[in-house]
Every structure is written in C-alpha cells, then in structure tokens.
Amino acid sequence: MSRRRGFTLIEILVALSVAGCLALGASYAIGRVGPRLDLRSGAWRVTSGLNQARFRAILSGEPIRVRFAAPGFFLERYDVDEGAWRTALGVPLPGVIVRANNSPVFHPQGTVSGLATITVSNKEGSYRITIAITGRIRSVRTG
C-alpha cells in the first residue's frame, strides 16, 4: 500500500476556483455596502462637527463658524485682531456631497445665527440636517 502525499493538480485547481468565487462574492458585497456606510458616516460627521462647533463656542467664549466647502467642512474662529475668520479644523467627507444654504455661526451663549439646512447625499440617499436658533441640531434621512 502506498501512502499518498500532497494534493493533485486537479484538487489544487478546484480549491483555487472555489476561493476565487468566494473572493468575488465578498468584493461585490463590500462594494454595495460602501456607499451606504459613506452616507451614514458623512451625516454623523456633519452632525458631530456642528455639535463640536457649538461646544467650542461655549467653552472658548468666541464665535465659531462652520463653513461647508468641497470636500467637506471647516470650523473657523473669528480673529478679532485681523478681523477675519481663521480655520481651526478641516473635516473631509469622502464618498458624499454636502450642500448648505448658509454658514452657521455658533455664539458663546450656545445660540446660532445664520441658520442652515445641510444636505448630505450620495447614490444611496440623503440626510437633511437642520439647525434651530437655539443651537439644536436635527438629522433626518430623506432619501
């Protein structure tokens, strides 16, 4: 009786083809999930950025503006000496398009001027984020 060692060429080819089919299926599934995750992540990052701007204004005693521009948004503080807004933080938002009708300014009292409606969207849908004069931020899935 002879002992068999290793695998035959046919067995190796069958195993590789099965592994290839599994990898193809996994890449297809991941490709479909990616845009949905980008949309949720983008909406969450905008909402948390707005909250961060509000709390920075309250804690620092300085107005903080949120300016939306491709590819994301910027938190800016007002430099009294130079009379201009200076970028404090830039946040990129890959995989989504962000549109805003205004650049809200958060004040040390927690209120906001320049009320804004922000839309975060991609091919999977959209979120509408609104800011009330009291500083309350609300996010709603719209598509």
Foldseek 3Di string as FASTA:
>chain_A
DDDDDDDDPVVVVVVVVVVVVVVVVVVVVCVVCVLVVLQVVQVVVVVVVLVVQLVCQQVVQWKWKWAADPQGIFIWTQDPVVRDTDTPDDDGRPNWDKDKPFIWIHHNVSFIPGWIWMWIDDPVFIKIWTADRNGDIDIDTDD
